[in-house]
Amino acid sequence: MIRLENVEKVYRTDRIETIALSNVSLDVAEGEFVSIMGPSGSGKSTLLHVMGLLDAPTKGSVTLNGRKVESYFDAALAKVRNAELGFVFQTFHLVPDLSVLDNVEVPLLYRGTGGKERRKRAEAALERVGLSARTRHYPSQLSGGQQQRVAIARAIVGAPRILLADEPTGNLDSATGDDVLDLLKDLNTRERCTVVMVTHDERQAAKTHRTVRLFDGRPVS
């Protein structure tokens, strides 16, 4: 489903060159739940961004669902991200002036989905994460765990085949974090959604199918 071949990512300024990823080759199969671990600065988030087509590798190739990504400047790529990928981040990135329901509808706006269908899908996504009673609330009226559930609902409202989560429990207490992880596991098990999650929590990583560890931008055994 996701294949990285000899991927390198280098950030350059006038004075310094930083190698974020070096010779990374990785396959993620359909229906897997993979965790990515490593110390701060090891390249975890960079790897997730490359996998999610948010950033282009300096070298190497990325293949998504059997299609090699040739250009990172094509408008069609944005459509691929919107249709096939869902993103969940440590900071929830909810729009404070929009209701919970309107926040979840946002990805469907970019698809040109009609109003009735948007509402139907958003309500179904919120029911899926247990927040049907909060559709008219605003982010400031929710707890951190509830905001992350809204973010997950927004990520899955378009029925993506792949969900990429960057420290989704990092800002939550352990009990709430476990609830969020259980939700991701349920999505993976019931709906065969492929999940790739960056985490610092060994306990949570142990609940995924396998763990990829990075050190200085390289996979380690």
Protein backbone atom coordinates (compact mmCIF):
# COMPACT_ATOMS: atom_id res chain seq x y z
CA MET A 1 0.00 0.00 0.00
CA ILE A 2 2.86 2.39 0.90
CA ARG A 3 6.38 1.78 -0.36
CA LEU A 4 9.44 3.92 0.24
CA GLU A 5 12.60 3.01 -1.67
CA ASN A 6 15.98 4.47 -0.69
CA VAL A 7 14.37 7.68 0.51
CA GLU A 8 16.59 10.54 1.60
CA LYS A 9 15.41 13.91 2.89
CA VAL A 10 17.88 16.76 3.23
CA TYR A 11 17.08 20.29 4.43
CA ARG A 12 19.54 22.91 3.25
CA THR A 13 20.16 26.53 4.19
CA ASP A 14 22.99 28.85 3.20
CA ARG A 15 25.13 27.61 6.08
CA ILE A 16 23.99 24.16 7.06
CA GLU A 17 22.76 20.86 5.64
CA THR A 18 20.57 18.65 7.80
CA ILE A 19 19.94 15.03 6.81
CA ALA A 20 16.50 14.18 8.20
CA LEU A 21 16.16 10.79 6.48
CA SER A 22 18.90 8.60 5.01
CA ASN A 23 18.39 5.55 2.79
CA VAL A 24 14.97 4.61 4.19
CA SER A 25 13.20 1.69 2.52
CA LEU A 26 9.88 0.65 4.01
CA ASP A 27 6.75 -1.24 3.01
CA VAL A 28 3.41 -0.88 4.77
CA ALA A 29 0.82 -3.45 3.74
CA GLU A 30 -2.90 -2.88 3.46
CA GLY A 31 -4.61 -3.29 6.84
CA GLU A 32 -1.46 -2.91 8.92
CA PHE A 33 -1.17 -0.81 12.07
CA VAL A 34 2.45 0.35 12.22
CA SER A 35 4.04 2.51 14.90
CA ILE A 36 7.13 4.66 14.31
CA MET A 37 9.42 5.34 17.26
CA GLY A 38 12.72 7.06 17.91
CA PRO A 39 14.30 9.90 19.90
CA SER A 40 13.48 13.53 19.17
CA GLY A 41 15.08 14.61 15.91
CA SER A 42 15.32 11.07 14.54
CA GLY A 43 13.13 11.86 11.53
CA LYS A 44 9.80 10.36 12.63
CA SER A 45 7.57 13.25 11.59
CA THR A 46 9.57 13.80 8.41
CA LEU A 47 9.02 10.16 7.49
CA LEU A 48 5.29 10.49 8.11
CA HIS A 49 5.13 13.65 5.97
CA VAL A 50 6.90 11.91 3.11
CA MET A 51 4.57 8.92 3.39
CA GLY A 52 1.59 11.28 3.40
CA LEU A 53 2.78 13.20 0.31
CA LEU A 54 3.09 16.38 2.34
CA ASP A 55 6.82 16.61 1.64
CA ALA A 56 8.94 15.41 -1.27
CA PRO A 57 12.02 13.24 -0.75
CA THR A 58 15.35 14.65 -1.87
CA LYS A 59 16.18 11.24 -3.30
CA GLY A 60 14.38 7.94 -3.64
CA SER A 61 10.79 7.12 -4.52
CA VAL A 62 7.37 6.85 -2.91
CA THR A 63 4.68 4.50 -4.20
CA LEU A 64 1.10 4.80 -2.95
CA ASN A 65 -1.47 2.12 -3.75
CA GLY A 66 0.67 0.85 -6.60
CA ARG A 67 1.23 4.28 -8.15
CA LYS A 68 4.67 5.85 -8.03
CA VAL A 69 4.48 9.51 -7.07
CA GLU A 70 6.31 11.39 -9.81
CA SER A 71 5.45 15.00 -9.04
CA TYR A 72 4.78 16.88 -5.83
CA PHE A 73 3.52 19.98 -7.62
CA ASP A 74 0.58 18.52 -9.48
CA ALA A 75 -2.89 19.57 -8.38
CA ALA A 76 -3.89 15.94 -8.79
CA LEU A 77 -1.69 15.10 -5.83
CA ALA A 78 -3.86 17.21 -3.55
CA LYS A 79 -6.85 15.19 -4.72
CA VAL A 80 -5.01 11.96 -3.88
CA ARG A 81 -4.29 13.22 -0.36
CA ASN A 82 -7.89 14.27 0.11
CA ALA A 83 -9.38 11.04 -1.24
CA GLU A 84 -7.02 8.38 0.07
CA LEU A 85 -5.26 9.78 3.14
CA GLY A 86 -6.42 10.98 6.54
CA PHE A 87 -4.20 12.95 8.91
CA VAL A 88 -4.30 13.27 12.70
CA PHE A 89 -1.78 15.45 14.54
CA GLN A 90 -0.69 16.04 18.13
CA THR A 91 -2.18 19.53 18.01
CA PHE A 92 -5.76 19.16 16.89
CA HIS A 93 -5.82 21.95 14.25
CA LEU A 94 -9.55 22.53 14.70
CA VAL A 95 -11.01 25.83 13.46
CA PRO A 96 -12.12 27.61 16.66
CA ASP A 97 -14.93 29.58 15.02
CA LEU A 98 -16.54 26.51 13.46
CA SER A 99 -18.80 24.05 15.23
CA VAL A 100 -17.74 20.45 15.68
CA LEU A 101 -19.94 19.39 12.77
CA ASP A 102 -18.58 22.11 10.49
CA ASN A 103 -14.99 21.20 11.39
CA VAL A 104 -15.60 17.60 10.36
CA GLU A 105 -17.20 18.66 7.08
CA VAL A 106 -14.14 20.66 5.93
CA PRO A 107 -12.40 17.89 3.89
CA LEU A 108 -15.64 17.23 2.00
CA LEU A 109 -15.85 20.88 0.98
CA TYR A 110 -12.65 20.43 -1.01
CA ARG A 111 -14.24 17.46 -2.76
CA GLY A 112 -17.23 19.52 -3.78
CA THR A 113 -19.60 17.26 -1.85
CA GLY A 114 -23.14 18.65 -1.58
CA GLY A 115 -24.44 20.08 1.68
CA LYS A 116 -26.84 17.25 2.59
CA GLU A 117 -24.26 14.57 1.87
CA ARG A 118 -21.59 16.47 3.82
CA ARG A 119 -23.81 16.67 6.86
CA LYS A 120 -24.80 13.01 6.63
CA ARG A 121 -21.18 11.85 6.43
CA ALA A 122 -19.99 14.23 9.15
CA GLU A 123 -22.72 13.08 11.52
CA ALA A 124 -21.82 9.45 10.81
CA ALA A 125 -18.13 10.13 11.48
CA LEU A 126 -18.94 11.85 14.77
CA GLU A 127 -21.16 8.95 15.79
CA ARG A 128 -18.24 6.64 14.96
CA VAL A 129 -16.03 8.46 17.48
CA GLY A 130 -18.77 8.77 20.10
CA LEU A 131 -19.50 12.49 19.79
CA SER A 132 -22.99 12.58 18.31
CA ALA A 133 -24.16 14.76 21.19
CA ARG A 134 -21.50 17.41 20.54
CA THR A 135 -22.18 18.43 16.94
CA ARG A 136 -23.19 22.00 17.82
CA HIS A 137 -20.40 22.60 20.32
CA TYR A 138 -17.24 24.56 19.54
CA PRO A 139 -13.69 23.31 20.12
CA SER A 140 -13.24 25.52 23.20
CA GLN A 141 -16.18 23.72 24.83
CA LEU A 142 -14.53 20.30 24.54
CA SER A 143 -11.88 18.47 26.51
CA GLY A 144 -8.55 17.59 24.89
CA GLY A 145 -9.64 14.01 24.32
CA GLN A 146 -12.89 15.14 22.73
CA GLN A 147 -11.03 17.55 20.45
CA GLN A 148 -8.77 14.73 19.31
CA ARG A 149 -11.83 12.60 18.58
CA VAL A 150 -13.20 15.44 16.44
CA ALA A 151 -9.86 15.53 14.63
CA ILE A 152 -10.11 11.79 14.00
CA ALA A 153 -13.69 12.17 12.75
CA ARG A 154 -12.48 14.85 10.34
CA ALA A 155 -9.69 12.52 9.19
CA ILE A 156 -12.03 9.61 8.47
CA VAL A 157 -15.06 11.48 7.11
CA GLY A 158 -13.88 10.86 3.55
CA ALA A 159 -13.33 7.13 4.19
CA PRO A 160 -9.55 7.19 3.58
CA ARG A 161 -7.71 3.93 3.04
CA ILE A 162 -4.72 5.19 5.03
CA LEU A 163 -4.67 7.11 8.32
CA LEU A 164 -1.43 8.84 9.36
CA ALA A 165 -1.23 9.94 12.99
CA ASP A 166 1.62 12.08 14.36
CA GLU A 167 1.73 11.74 18.18
CA PRO A 168 -2.10 11.64 18.40
CA THR A 169 -2.00 11.06 22.18
CA GLY A 170 0.96 13.29 22.99
CA ASN A 171 -1.15 16.07 24.53
CA LEU A 172 -3.49 13.75 26.42
CA ASP A 173 -3.37 12.06 29.81
CA SER A 174 -2.69 8.32 29.77
CA ALA A 175 -6.31 7.19 30.21
CA THR A 176 -7.61 9.50 27.47
CA GLY A 177 -4.67 8.53 25.28
CA ASP A 178 -5.60 4.87 25.69
CA ASP A 179 -9.16 5.68 24.59
CA VAL A 180 -7.88 7.39 21.45
CA LEU A 181 -5.57 4.47 20.67
CA ASP A 182 -8.46 2.04 21.14
CA LEU A 183 -10.42 4.08 18.60
CA LEU A 184 -7.57 3.88 16.08
CA LYS A 185 -7.27 0.13 16.67
CA ASP A 186 -11.01 -0.28 16.13
CA LEU A 187 -10.84 1.64 12.84
CA ASN A 188 -7.96 -0.58 11.77
CA THR A 189 -9.71 -3.83 12.75
CA ARG A 190 -13.28 -3.18 11.68
CA GLU A 191 -12.75 -1.05 8.60
CA ARG A 192 -9.34 -2.35 7.47
CA CYS A 193 -8.01 1.19 7.55
CA THR A 194 -4.21 1.12 7.33
CA VAL A 195 -2.76 3.16 10.23
CA VAL A 196 0.76 4.55 10.63
CA MET A 197 1.33 6.24 13.99
CA VAL A 198 4.29 8.17 15.36
CA THR A 199 4.56 7.73 19.13
CA HIS A 200 6.99 8.03 22.05
CA ASP A 201 4.94 5.60 24.13
CA GLU A 202 6.37 2.07 24.20
CA ARG A 203 3.18 0.78 25.80
CA GLN A 204 1.04 2.05 22.95
CA ALA A 205 3.51 0.92 20.28
CA ALA A 206 3.32 -2.59 21.72
CA LYS A 207 -0.39 -2.66 20.80
CA THR A 208 0.31 -2.15 17.08
CA HIS A 209 1.22 -4.86 14.58
CA ARG A 210 4.88 -3.81 14.37
CA THR A 211 7.22 -0.97 15.23
CA VAL A 212 9.67 0.82 12.93
CA ARG A 213 12.47 2.46 14.90
CA LEU A 214 14.51 5.40 13.63
CA PHE A 215 17.82 6.77 14.81
CA ASP A 216 19.50 9.72 13.08
CA GLY A 217 17.15 9.35 10.14
CA ARG A 218 17.88 5.65 9.59
CA PRO A 219 15.81 2.57 10.42
CA VAL A 220 17.39 0.43 13.14
CA SER A 221 16.55 -3.10 14.21
